[in-house]
Amino acid sequence: ALGADSIRIIRHFLGQGGLLIALGVGLGLAAAAALTRFQAGLLYGV
């Protein structure tokens, strides 16, 4: 209604969501790397 086309709306959603996804993946990878001693007992063959 304010002049944005559908591509801009999708780009806006993906931009906002992508930022949160990148933050979550980054924090998750950092936490997983920090907890490697605990994980070592849970993993088999990896």
PDB file of all heavy atoms in Angstrom:
ATOM      1  N   ALA A   1       0.816  -1.203   0.000  1.00  0.00           N
ATOM      2  CA  ALA A   1       0.000   0.000   0.000  1.00  0.00           C
ATOM      3  C   ALA A   1       0.854   1.259   0.000  1.00  0.00           C
ATOM      4  O   ALA A   1       0.432   2.295  -0.476  1.00  0.00           O
ATOM      5  CB  ALA A   1      -0.930   0.013   1.209  1.00  0.00           C
ATOM      6  N   LEU A   2       2.068   1.154   0.508  1.00  0.00           N
ATOM      7  CA  LEU A   2       2.939   2.325   0.562  1.00  0.00           C
ATOM      8  C   LEU A   2       3.920   2.376  -0.600  1.00  0.00           C
ATOM      9  O   LEU A   2       4.848   3.161  -0.598  1.00  0.00           O
ATOM     10  CB  LEU A   2       3.703   2.339   1.892  1.00  0.00           C
ATOM     11  CG  LEU A   2       2.812   2.415   3.119  1.00  0.00           C
ATOM     12  CD1 LEU A   2       3.650   2.297   4.371  1.00  0.00           C
ATOM     13  CD2 LEU A   2       2.012   3.699   3.129  1.00  0.00           C
ATOM     14  N   GLY A   3       3.737   1.536  -1.604  1.00  0.00           N
ATOM     15  CA  GLY A   3       4.534   1.614  -2.818  1.00  0.00           C
ATOM     16  C   GLY A   3       5.586   0.538  -2.976  1.00  0.00           C
ATOM     17  O   GLY A   3       6.289   0.523  -3.979  1.00  0.00           O
ATOM     18  N   ALA A   4       5.733  -0.339  -2.027  1.00  0.00           N
ATOM     19  CA  ALA A   4       6.726  -1.407  -2.164  1.00  0.00           C
ATOM     20  C   ALA A   4       6.154  -2.517  -3.052  1.00  0.00           C
ATOM     21  O   ALA A   4       4.987  -2.855  -2.948  1.00  0.00           O
ATOM     22  CB  ALA A   4       7.077  -1.972  -0.800  1.00  0.00           C
ATOM     23  N   ASP A   5       6.987  -3.043  -3.915  1.00  0.00           N
ATOM     24  CA  ASP A   5       6.532  -4.168  -4.720  1.00  0.00           C
ATOM     25  C   ASP A   5       6.831  -5.476  -3.975  1.00  0.00           C
ATOM     26  O   ASP A   5       7.447  -5.480  -2.915  1.00  0.00           O
ATOM     27  CB  ASP A   5       7.173  -4.159  -6.110  1.00  0.00           C
ATOM     28  CG  ASP A   5       8.689  -4.157  -6.055  1.00  0.00           C
ATOM     29  OD1 ASP A   5       9.247  -4.018  -4.960  1.00  0.00           O
ATOM     30  OD2 ASP A   5       9.307  -4.303  -7.124  1.00  0.00           O
ATOM     31  N   SER A   6       6.355  -6.571  -4.523  1.00  0.00           N
ATOM     32  CA  SER A   6       6.463  -7.847  -3.813  1.00  0.00           C
ATOM     33  C   SER A   6       7.917  -8.281  -3.639  1.00  0.00           C
ATOM     34  O   SER A   6       8.268  -8.895  -2.627  1.00  0.00           O
ATOM     35  CB  SER A   6       5.668  -8.923  -4.533  1.00  0.00           C
ATOM     36  OG  SER A   6       6.154  -9.117  -5.838  1.00  0.00           O
ATOM     37  N   ILE A   7       8.767  -7.947  -4.587  1.00  0.00           N
ATOM     38  CA  ILE A   7      10.194  -8.311  -4.474  1.00  0.00           C
ATOM     39  C   ILE A   7      10.823  -7.591  -3.285  1.00  0.00           C
ATOM     40  O   ILE A   7      11.601  -8.178  -2.531  1.00  0.00           O
ATOM     41  CB  ILE A   7      10.943  -7.974  -5.781  1.00  0.00           C
ATOM     42  CG1 ILE A   7      10.385  -8.773  -6.947  1.00  0.00           C
ATOM     43  CG2 ILE A   7      12.437  -8.198  -5.621  1.00  0.00           C
ATOM     44  CD1 ILE A   7      10.549 -10.271  -6.808  1.00  0.00           C
ATOM     45  N   ARG A   8      10.489  -6.339  -3.101  1.00  0.00           N
ATOM     46  CA  ARG A   8      11.043  -5.584  -1.959  1.00  0.00           C
ATOM     47  C   ARG A   8      10.560  -6.145  -0.630  1.00  0.00           C
ATOM     48  O   ARG A   8      11.311  -6.178   0.336  1.00  0.00           O
ATOM     49  CB  ARG A   8      10.656  -4.113  -2.056  1.00  0.00           C
ATOM     50  CG  ARG A   8      11.489  -3.339  -3.008  1.00  0.00           C
ATOM     51  CD  ARG A   8      11.185  -1.873  -2.887  1.00  0.00           C
ATOM     52  NE  ARG A   8      11.960  -1.111  -3.826  1.00  0.00           N
ATOM     53  CZ  ARG A   8      11.830   0.177  -4.003  1.00  0.00           C
ATOM     54  NH1 ARG A   8      10.935   0.842  -3.325  1.00  0.00           N
ATOM     55  NH2 ARG A   8      12.588   0.799  -4.869  1.00  0.00           N
ATOM     56  N   ILE A   9       9.327  -6.568  -0.582  1.00  0.00           N
ATOM     57  CA  ILE A   9       8.797  -7.133   0.658  1.00  0.00           C
ATOM     58  C   ILE A   9       9.513  -8.439   0.985  1.00  0.00           C
ATOM     59  O   ILE A   9       9.942  -8.659   2.122  1.00  0.00           O
ATOM     60  CB  ILE A   9       7.279  -7.336   0.546  1.00  0.00           C
ATOM     61  CG1 ILE A   9       6.588  -5.977   0.516  1.00  0.00           C
ATOM     62  CG2 ILE A   9       6.757  -8.179   1.701  1.00  0.00           C
ATOM     63  CD1 ILE A   9       5.123  -6.039   0.266  1.00  0.00           C
ATOM     64  N   ILE A  10       9.676  -9.292  -0.009  1.00  0.00           N
ATOM     65  CA  ILE A  10      10.387 -10.556   0.217  1.00  0.00           C
ATOM     66  C   ILE A  10      11.833 -10.285   0.603  1.00  0.00           C
ATOM     67  O   ILE A  10      12.371 -10.908   1.530  1.00  0.00           O
ATOM     68  CB  ILE A  10      10.291 -11.456  -1.027  1.00  0.00           C
ATOM     69  CG1 ILE A  10       8.846 -11.920  -1.211  1.00  0.00           C
ATOM     70  CG2 ILE A  10      11.224 -12.645  -0.918  1.00  0.00           C
ATOM     71  CD1 ILE A  10       8.589 -12.670  -2.490  1.00  0.00           C
ATOM     72  N   ARG A  11      12.478  -9.335  -0.060  1.00  0.00           N
ATOM     73  CA  ARG A  11      13.860  -8.981   0.261  1.00  0.00           C
ATOM     74  C   ARG A  11      13.974  -8.451   1.690  1.00  0.00           C
ATOM     75  O   ARG A  11      14.919  -8.757   2.402  1.00  0.00           O
ATOM     76  CB  ARG A  11      14.370  -7.948  -0.734  1.00  0.00           C
ATOM     77  CG  ARG A  11      15.866  -7.707  -0.609  1.00  0.00           C
ATOM     78  CD  ARG A  11      16.361  -6.696  -1.614  1.00  0.00           C
ATOM     79  NE  ARG A  11      16.066  -7.136  -2.963  1.00  0.00           N
ATOM     80  CZ  ARG A  11      15.802  -6.301  -3.955  1.00  0.00           C
ATOM     81  NH1 ARG A  11      15.774  -5.000  -3.755  1.00  0.00           N
ATOM     82  NH2 ARG A  11      15.552  -6.758  -5.162  1.00  0.00           N
ATOM     83  N   HIS A  12      12.993  -7.665   2.112  1.00  0.00           N
ATOM     84  CA  HIS A  12      12.995  -7.134   3.477  1.00  0.00           C
ATOM     85  C   HIS A  12      12.874  -8.266   4.501  1.00  0.00           C
ATOM     86  O   HIS A  12      13.621  -8.316   5.481  1.00  0.00           O
ATOM     87  CB  HIS A  12      11.854  -6.132   3.653  1.00  0.00           C
ATOM     88  CG  HIS A  12      11.717  -5.622   5.050  1.00  0.00           C
ATOM     89  ND1 HIS A  12      12.615  -4.734   5.602  1.00  0.00           N
ATOM     90  CD2 HIS A  12      10.812  -5.888   6.019  1.00  0.00           C
ATOM     91  CE1 HIS A  12      12.261  -4.475   6.837  1.00  0.00           C
ATOM     92  NE2 HIS A  12      11.165  -5.170   7.112  1.00  0.00           N
ATOM     93  N   PHE A  13      11.932  -9.173   4.274  1.00  0.00           N
ATOM     94  CA  PHE A  13      11.766 -10.314   5.183  1.00  0.00           C
ATOM     95  C   PHE A  13      13.034 -11.145   5.237  1.00  0.00           C
ATOM     96  O   PHE A  13      13.489 -11.535   6.321  1.00  0.00           O
ATOM     97  CB  PHE A  13      10.603 -11.200   4.713  1.00  0.00           C
ATOM     98  CG  PHE A  13       9.269 -10.837   5.282  1.00  0.00           C
ATOM     99  CD1 PHE A  13       8.599  -9.704   4.862  1.00  0.00           C
ATOM    100  CD2 PHE A  13       8.677 -11.640   6.221  1.00  0.00           C
ATOM    101  CE1 PHE A  13       7.366  -9.384   5.368  1.00  0.00           C
ATOM    102  CE2 PHE A  13       7.438 -11.328   6.743  1.00  0.00           C
ATOM    103  CZ  PHE A  13       6.774 -10.197   6.315  1.00  0.00           C
ATOM    104  N   LEU A  14      13.600 -11.458   4.067  1.00  0.00           N
ATOM    105  CA  LEU A  14      14.799 -12.288   4.032  1.00  0.00           C
ATOM    106  C   LEU A  14      16.003 -11.567   4.640  1.00  0.00           C
ATOM    107  O   LEU A  14      16.867 -12.206   5.249  1.00  0.00           O
ATOM    108  CB  LEU A  14      15.107 -12.726   2.604  1.00  0.00           C
ATOM    109  CG  LEU A  14      14.151 -13.760   2.021  1.00  0.00           C
ATOM    110  CD1 LEU A  14      14.514 -14.051   0.571  1.00  0.00           C
ATOM    111  CD2 LEU A  14      14.160 -15.034   2.830  1.00  0.00           C
ATOM    112  N   GLY A  15      16.063 -10.263   4.493  1.00  0.00           N
ATOM    113  CA  GLY A  15      17.153  -9.501   5.104  1.00  0.00           C
ATOM    114  C   GLY A  15      17.083  -9.543   6.623  1.00  0.00           C
ATOM    115  O   GLY A  15      18.085  -9.801   7.300  1.00  0.00           O
ATOM    116  N   GLN A  16      15.894  -9.295   7.151  1.00  0.00           N
ATOM    117  CA  GLN A  16      15.719  -9.337   8.607  1.00  0.00           C
ATOM    118  C   GLN A  16      15.927 -10.750   9.135  1.00  0.00           C
ATOM    119  O   GLN A  16      16.597 -10.960  10.143  1.00  0.00           O
ATOM    120  CB  GLN A  16      14.322  -8.835   8.977  1.00  0.00           C
ATOM    121  CG  GLN A  16      14.072  -7.382   8.646  1.00  0.00           C
ATOM    122  CD  GLN A  16      14.875  -6.466   9.546  1.00  0.00           C
ATOM    123  OE1 GLN A  16      15.005  -6.705  10.730  1.00  0.00           O
ATOM    124  NE2 GLN A  16      15.429  -5.434   8.950  1.00  0.00           N
ATOM    125  N   GLY A  17      15.336 -11.725   8.468  1.00  0.00           N
ATOM    126  CA  GLY A  17      15.492 -13.114   8.898  1.00  0.00           C
ATOM    127  C   GLY A  17      16.909 -13.607   8.726  1.00  0.00           C
ATOM    128  O   GLY A  17      17.429 -14.348   9.567  1.00  0.00           O
ATOM    129  N   GLY A  18      17.560 -13.214   7.646  1.00  0.00           N
ATOM    130  CA  GLY A  18      18.941 -13.634   7.396  1.00  0.00           C
ATOM    131  C   GLY A  18      19.896 -13.136   8.453  1.00  0.00           C
ATOM    132  O   GLY A  18      20.843 -13.833   8.839  1.00  0.00           O
ATOM    133  N   LEU A  19      19.646 -11.933   8.948  1.00  0.00           N
ATOM    134  CA  LEU A  19      20.471 -11.394  10.025  1.00  0.00           C
ATOM    135  C   LEU A  19      20.336 -12.245  11.286  1.00  0.00           C
ATOM    136  O   LEU A  19      21.336 -12.605  11.912  1.00  0.00           O
ATOM    137  CB  LEU A  19      20.071  -9.943  10.313  1.00  0.00           C
ATOM    138  CG  LEU A  19      20.854  -9.227  11.391  1.00  0.00           C
ATOM    139  CD1 LEU A  19      22.302  -9.054  10.956  1.00  0.00           C
ATOM    140  CD2 LEU A  19      20.218  -7.880  11.673  1.00  0.00           C
ATOM    141  N   LEU A  20      19.119 -12.600  11.621  1.00  0.00           N
ATOM    142  CA  LEU A  20      18.901 -13.440  12.796  1.00  0.00           C
ATOM    143  C   LEU A  20      19.446 -14.852  12.589  1.00  0.00           C
ATOM    144  O   LEU A  20      19.990 -15.460  13.526  1.00  0.00           O
ATOM    145  CB  LEU A  20      17.416 -13.492  13.133  1.00  0.00           C
ATOM    146  CG  LEU A  20      16.807 -12.192  13.639  1.00  0.00           C
ATOM    147  CD1 LEU A  20      15.307 -12.336  13.792  1.00  0.00           C
ATOM    148  CD2 LEU A  20      17.441 -11.781  14.941  1.00  0.00           C
ATOM    149  N   ILE A  21      19.314 -15.371  11.376  1.00  0.00           N
ATOM    150  CA  ILE A  21      19.846 -16.699  11.073  1.00  0.00           C
ATOM    151  C   ILE A  21      21.366 -16.694  11.211  1.00  0.00           C
ATOM    152  O   ILE A  21      21.953 -17.591  11.828  1.00  0.00           O
ATOM    153  CB  ILE A  21      19.413 -17.145   9.669  1.00  0.00           C
ATOM    154  CG1 ILE A  21      17.913 -17.398   9.639  1.00  0.00           C
ATOM    155  CG2 ILE A  21      20.180 -18.392   9.227  1.00  0.00           C
ATOM    156  CD1 ILE A  21      17.348 -17.531   8.241  1.00  0.00           C
ATOM    157  N   ALA A  22      22.019 -15.705  10.646  1.00  0.00           N
ATOM    158  CA  ALA A  22      23.477 -15.624  10.729  1.00  0.00           C
ATOM    159  C   ALA A  22      23.936 -15.486  12.181  1.00  0.00           C
ATOM    160  O   ALA A  22      24.916 -16.123  12.592  1.00  0.00           O
ATOM    161  CB  ALA A  22      23.983 -14.447   9.901  1.00  0.00           C
ATOM    162  N   LEU A  23      23.232 -14.690  12.950  1.00  0.00           N
ATOM    163  CA  LEU A  23      23.572 -14.529  14.365  1.00  0.00           C
ATOM    164  C   LEU A  23      23.401 -15.850  15.108  1.00  0.00           C
ATOM    165  O   LEU A  23      24.267 -16.257  15.883  1.00  0.00           O
ATOM    166  CB  LEU A  23      22.696 -13.446  14.991  1.00  0.00           C
ATOM    167  CG  LEU A  23      22.944 -13.141  16.458  1.00  0.00           C
ATOM    168  CD1 LEU A  23      24.328 -12.547  16.653  1.00  0.00           C
ATOM    169  CD2 LEU A  23      21.882 -12.186  16.968  1.00  0.00           C
ATOM    170  N   GLY A  24      22.299 -16.536  14.860  1.00  0.00           N
ATOM    171  CA  GLY A  24      22.046 -17.814  15.520  1.00  0.00           C
ATOM    172  C   GLY A  24      23.044 -18.886  15.140  1.00  0.00           C
ATOM    173  O   GLY A  24      23.528 -19.634  15.996  1.00  0.00           O
ATOM    174  N   VAL A  25      23.371 -18.966  13.850  1.00  0.00           N
ATOM    175  CA  VAL A  25      24.346 -19.967  13.406  1.00  0.00           C
ATOM    176  C   VAL A  25      25.729 -19.645  13.980  1.00  0.00           C
ATOM    177  O   VAL A  25      26.444 -20.539  14.445  1.00  0.00           O
ATOM    178  CB  VAL A  25      24.390 -20.053  11.863  1.00  0.00           C
ATOM    179  CG1 VAL A  25      25.584 -20.845  11.380  1.00  0.00           C
ATOM    180  CG2 VAL A  25      23.109 -20.669  11.346  1.00  0.00           C
ATOM    181  N   GLY A  26      26.092 -18.379  13.988  1.00  0.00           N
ATOM    182  CA  GLY A  26      27.391 -17.989  14.545  1.00  0.00           C
ATOM    183  C   GLY A  26      27.504 -18.304  16.026  1.00  0.00           C
ATOM    184  O   GLY A  26      28.508 -18.882  16.471  1.00  0.00           O
ATOM    185  N   LEU A  27      26.468 -17.955  16.781  1.00  0.00           N
ATOM    186  CA  LEU A  27      26.481 -18.264  18.214  1.00  0.00           C
ATOM    187  C   LEU A  27      26.429 -19.764  18.459  1.00  0.00           C
ATOM    188  O   LEU A  27      27.083 -20.282  19.372  1.00  0.00           O
ATOM    189  CB  LEU A  27      25.309 -17.573  18.915  1.00  0.00           C
ATOM    190  CG  LEU A  27      25.402 -16.057  19.041  1.00  0.00           C
ATOM    191  CD1 LEU A  27      24.119 -15.492  19.625  1.00  0.00           C
ATOM    192  CD2 LEU A  27      26.592 -15.655  19.873  1.00  0.00           C
ATOM    193  N   GLY A  28      25.672 -20.476  17.647  1.00  0.00           N
ATOM    194  CA  GLY A  28      25.589 -21.927  17.790  1.00  0.00           C
ATOM    195  C   GLY A  28      26.906 -22.616  17.497  1.00  0.00           C
ATOM    196  O   GLY A  28      27.309 -23.539  18.219  1.00  0.00           O
ATOM    197  N   LEU A  29      27.604 -22.178  16.455  1.00  0.00           N
ATOM    198  CA  LEU A  29      28.908 -22.757  16.140  1.00  0.00           C
ATOM    199  C   LEU A  29      29.929 -22.447  17.230  1.00  0.00           C
ATOM    200  O   LEU A  29      30.735 -23.306  17.596  1.00  0.00           O
ATOM    201  CB  LEU A  29      29.397 -22.258  14.785  1.00  0.00           C
ATOM    202  CG  LEU A  29      28.681 -22.813  13.565  1.00  0.00           C
ATOM    203  CD1 LEU A  29      29.177 -22.116  12.295  1.00  0.00           C
ATOM    204  CD2 LEU A  29      28.884 -24.308  13.458  1.00  0.00           C
ATOM    205  N   ALA A  30      29.878 -21.224  17.754  1.00  0.00           N
ATOM    206  CA  ALA A  30      30.798 -20.865  18.831  1.00  0.00           C
ATOM    207  C   ALA A  30      30.519 -21.695  20.084  1.00  0.00           C
ATOM    208  O   ALA A  30      31.448 -22.178  20.735  1.00  0.00           O
ATOM    209  CB  ALA A  30      30.681 -19.378  19.144  1.00  0.00           C
ATOM    210  N   ALA A  31      29.256 -21.877  20.416  1.00  0.00           N
ATOM    211  CA  ALA A  31      28.903 -22.683  21.585  1.00  0.00           C
ATOM    212  C   ALA A  31      29.276 -24.147  21.381  1.00  0.00           C
ATOM    213  O   ALA A  31      29.774 -24.803  22.298  1.00  0.00           O
ATOM    214  CB  ALA A  31      27.410 -22.559  21.870  1.00  0.00           C
ATOM    215  N   ALA A  32      29.070 -24.659  20.180  1.00  0.00           N
ATOM    216  CA  ALA A  32      29.422 -26.050  19.894  1.00  0.00           C
ATOM    217  C   ALA A  32      30.930 -26.255  19.991  1.00  0.00           C
ATOM    218  O   ALA A  32      31.392 -27.273  20.518  1.00  0.00           O
ATOM    219  CB  ALA A  32      28.918 -26.450  18.510  1.00  0.00           C
ATOM    220  N   ALA A  33      31.698 -25.296  19.493  1.00  0.00           N
ATOM    221  CA  ALA A  33      33.155 -25.409  19.576  1.00  0.00           C
ATOM    222  C   ALA A  33      33.622 -25.300  21.028  1.00  0.00           C
ATOM    223  O   ALA A  33      34.581 -25.960  21.425  1.00  0.00           O
ATOM    224  CB  ALA A  33      33.808 -24.329  18.721  1.00  0.00           C
ATOM    225  N   ALA A  34      32.937 -24.485  21.823  1.00  0.00           N
ATOM    226  CA  ALA A  34      33.316 -24.329  23.229  1.00  0.00           C
ATOM    227  C   ALA A  34      32.982 -25.571  24.050  1.00  0.00           C
ATOM    228  O   ALA A  34      33.620 -25.829  25.069  1.00  0.00           O
ATOM    229  CB  ALA A  34      32.628 -23.106  23.819  1.00  0.00           C
ATOM    230  N   LEU A  35      32.003 -26.332  23.622  1.00  0.00           N
ATOM    231  CA  LEU A  35      31.572 -27.509  24.381  1.00  0.00           C
ATOM    232  C   LEU A  35      32.116 -28.818  23.799  1.00  0.00           C
ATOM    233  O   LEU A  35      31.510 -29.874  23.982  1.00  0.00           O
ATOM    234  CB  LEU A  35      30.047 -27.554  24.423  1.00  0.00           C
ATOM    235  CG  LEU A  35      29.366 -26.392  25.144  1.00  0.00           C
ATOM    236  CD1 LEU A  35      27.869 -26.441  24.931  1.00  0.00           C
ATOM    237  CD2 LEU A  35      29.711 -26.409  26.610  1.00  0.00           C
ATOM    238  N   THR A  36      33.255 -28.768  23.129  1.00  0.00           N
ATOM    239  CA  THR A  36      33.780 -29.969  22.469  1.00  0.00           C
ATOM    240  C   THR A  36      34.139 -31.074  23.454  1.00  0.00           C
ATOM    241  O   THR A  36      34.011 -32.250  23.127  1.00  0.00           O
ATOM    242  CB  THR A  36      35.017 -29.641  21.622  1.00  0.00           C
ATOM    243  OG1 THR A  36      35.988 -28.997  22.450  1.00  0.00           O
ATOM    244  CG2 THR A  36      34.647 -28.764  20.448  1.00  0.00           C
ATOM    245  N   ARG A  37      34.578 -30.736  24.647  1.00  0.00           N
ATOM    246  CA  ARG A  37      34.923 -31.787  25.616  1.00  0.00           C
ATOM    247  C   ARG A  37      33.684 -32.584  26.007  1.00  0.00           C
ATOM    248  O   ARG A  37      33.737 -33.794  26.144  1.00  0.00           O
ATOM    249  CB  ARG A  37      35.558 -31.174  26.850  1.00  0.00           C
ATOM    250  CG  ARG A  37      36.940 -30.672  26.605  1.00  0.00           C
ATOM    251  CD  ARG A  37      37.573 -30.175  27.867  1.00  0.00           C
ATOM    252  NE  ARG A  37      38.875 -29.604  27.563  1.00  0.00           N
ATOM    253  CZ  ARG A  37      39.576 -28.901  28.399  1.00  0.00           C
ATOM    254  NH1 ARG A  37      39.123 -28.687  29.624  1.00  0.00           N
ATOM    255  NH2 ARG A  37      40.748 -28.416  28.048  1.00  0.00           N
ATOM    256  N   PHE A  38      32.575 -31.903  26.195  1.00  0.00           N
ATOM    257  CA  PHE A  38      31.330 -32.585  26.535  1.00  0.00           C
ATOM    258  C   PHE A  38      30.816 -33.404  25.359  1.00  0.00           C
ATOM    259  O   PHE A  38      30.339 -34.518  25.521  1.00  0.00           O
ATOM    260  CB  PHE A  38      30.276 -31.571  26.973  1.00  0.00           C
ATOM    261  CG  PHE A  38      28.924 -32.169  27.208  1.00  0.00           C
ATOM    262  CD1 PHE A  38      28.695 -32.993  28.296  1.00  0.00           C
ATOM    263  CD2 PHE A  38      27.882 -31.926  26.333  1.00  0.00           C
ATOM    264  CE1 PHE A  38      27.450 -33.559  28.511  1.00  0.00           C
ATOM    265  CE2 PHE A  38      26.636 -32.482  26.538  1.00  0.00           C
ATOM    266  CZ  PHE A  38      26.425 -33.301  27.637  1.00  0.00           C
ATOM    267  N   GLN A  39      30.952 -32.865  24.157  1.00  0.00           N
ATOM    268  CA  GLN A  39      30.461 -33.545  22.959  1.00  0.00           C
ATOM    269  C   GLN A  39      31.274 -34.781  22.628  1.00  0.00           C
ATOM    270  O   GLN A  39      30.757 -35.725  22.036  1.00  0.00           O
ATOM    271  CB  GLN A  39      30.511 -32.606  21.755  1.00  0.00           C
ATOM    272  CG  GLN A  39      29.532 -31.483  21.810  1.00  0.00           C
ATOM    273  CD  GLN A  39      29.714 -30.556  20.626  1.00  0.00           C
ATOM    274  OE1 GLN A  39      30.623 -30.725  19.830  1.00  0.00           O
ATOM    275  NE2 GLN A  39      28.850 -29.574  20.512  1.00  0.00           N
ATOM    276  N   ALA A  40      32.534 -34.783  22.956  1.00  0.00           N
ATOM    277  CA  ALA A  40      33.406 -35.898  22.578  1.00  0.00           C
ATOM    278  C   ALA A  40      32.891 -37.223  23.128  1.00  0.00           C
ATOM    279  O   ALA A  40      33.010 -38.260  22.473  1.00  0.00           O
ATOM    280  CB  ALA A  40      34.823 -35.634  23.065  1.00  0.00           C
ATOM    281  N   GLY A  41      32.294 -37.221  24.293  1.00  0.00           N
ATOM    282  CA  GLY A  41      31.755 -38.448  24.859  1.00  0.00           C
ATOM    283  C   GLY A  41      30.448 -38.883  24.223  1.00  0.00           C
ATOM    284  O   GLY A  41      30.052 -40.039  24.338  1.00  0.00           O
ATOM    285  N   LEU A  42      29.766 -37.989  23.527  1.00  0.00           N
ATOM    286  CA  LEU A  42      28.470 -38.292  22.925  1.00  0.00           C
ATOM    287  C   LEU A  42      28.569 -38.735  21.468  1.00  0.00           C
ATOM    288  O   LEU A  42      27.619 -39.289  20.929  1.00  0.00           O
ATOM    289  CB  LEU A  42      27.554 -37.065  23.001  1.00  0.00           C
ATOM    290  CG  LEU A  42      27.235 -36.547  24.399  1.00  0.00           C
ATOM    291  CD1 LEU A  42      26.453 -35.246  24.300  1.00  0.00           C
ATOM    292  CD2 LEU A  42      26.447 -37.573  25.178  1.00  0.00           C
ATOM    293  N   LEU A  43      29.695 -38.476  20.844  1.00  0.00           N
ATOM    294  CA  LEU A  43      29.830 -38.742  19.412  1.00  0.00           C
ATOM    295  C   LEU A  43      30.497 -40.084  19.169  1.00  0.00           C
ATOM    296  O   LEU A  43      31.412 -40.483  19.879  1.00  0.00           O
ATOM    297  CB  LEU A  43      30.660 -37.635  18.755  1.00  0.00           C
ATOM    298  CG  LEU A  43      30.079 -36.229  18.870  1.00  0.00           C
ATOM    299  CD1 LEU A  43      31.068 -35.219  18.335  1.00  0.00           C
ATOM    300  CD2 LEU A  43      28.769 -36.129  18.137  1.00  0.00           C
ATOM    301  N   TYR A  44      30.037 -40.763  18.149  1.00  0.00           N
ATOM    302  CA  TYR A  44      30.625 -42.044  17.766  1.00  0.00           C
ATOM    303  C   TYR A  44      31.077 -41.963  16.313  1.00  0.00           C
ATOM    304  O   TYR A  44      30.262 -41.722  15.413  1.00  0.00           O
ATOM    305  CB  TYR A  44      29.604 -43.179  17.932  1.00  0.00           C
ATOM    306  CG  TYR A  44      30.119 -44.505  17.464  1.00  0.00           C
ATOM    307  CD1 TYR A  44      31.039 -45.210  18.235  1.00  0.00           C
ATOM    308  CD2 TYR A  44      29.734 -45.034  16.257  1.00  0.00           C
ATOM    309  CE1 TYR A  44      31.536 -46.423  17.807  1.00  0.00           C
ATOM    310  CE2 TYR A  44      30.217 -46.247  15.811  1.00  0.00           C
ATOM    311  CZ  TYR A  44      31.127 -46.939  16.600  1.00  0.00           C
ATOM    312  OH  TYR A  44      31.621 -48.128  16.177  1.00  0.00           O
ATOM    313  N   GLY A  45      32.352 -42.098  16.084  1.00  0.00           N
ATOM    314  CA  GLY A  45      32.878 -42.096  14.725  1.00  0.00           C
ATOM    315  C   GLY A  45      33.072 -40.721  14.122  1.00  0.00           C
ATOM    316  O   GLY A  45      33.386 -40.599  12.948  1.00  0.00           O
ATOM    317  N   VAL A  46      32.903 -39.673  14.914  1.00  0.00           N
ATOM    318  CA  VAL A  46      33.083 -38.308  14.431  1.00  0.00           C
ATOM    319  C   VAL A  46      33.946 -37.576  15.445  1.00  0.00           C
ATOM    320  O   VAL A  46      33.708 -37.665  16.650  1.00  0.00           O
ATOM    321  CB  VAL A  46      31.724 -37.583  14.280  1.00  0.00           C
ATOM    322  CG1 VAL A  46      31.935 -36.150  13.822  1.00  0.00           C
ATOM    323  CG2 VAL A  46      30.820 -38.322  13.337  1.00  0.00           C
TER     324      VAL A  46
END
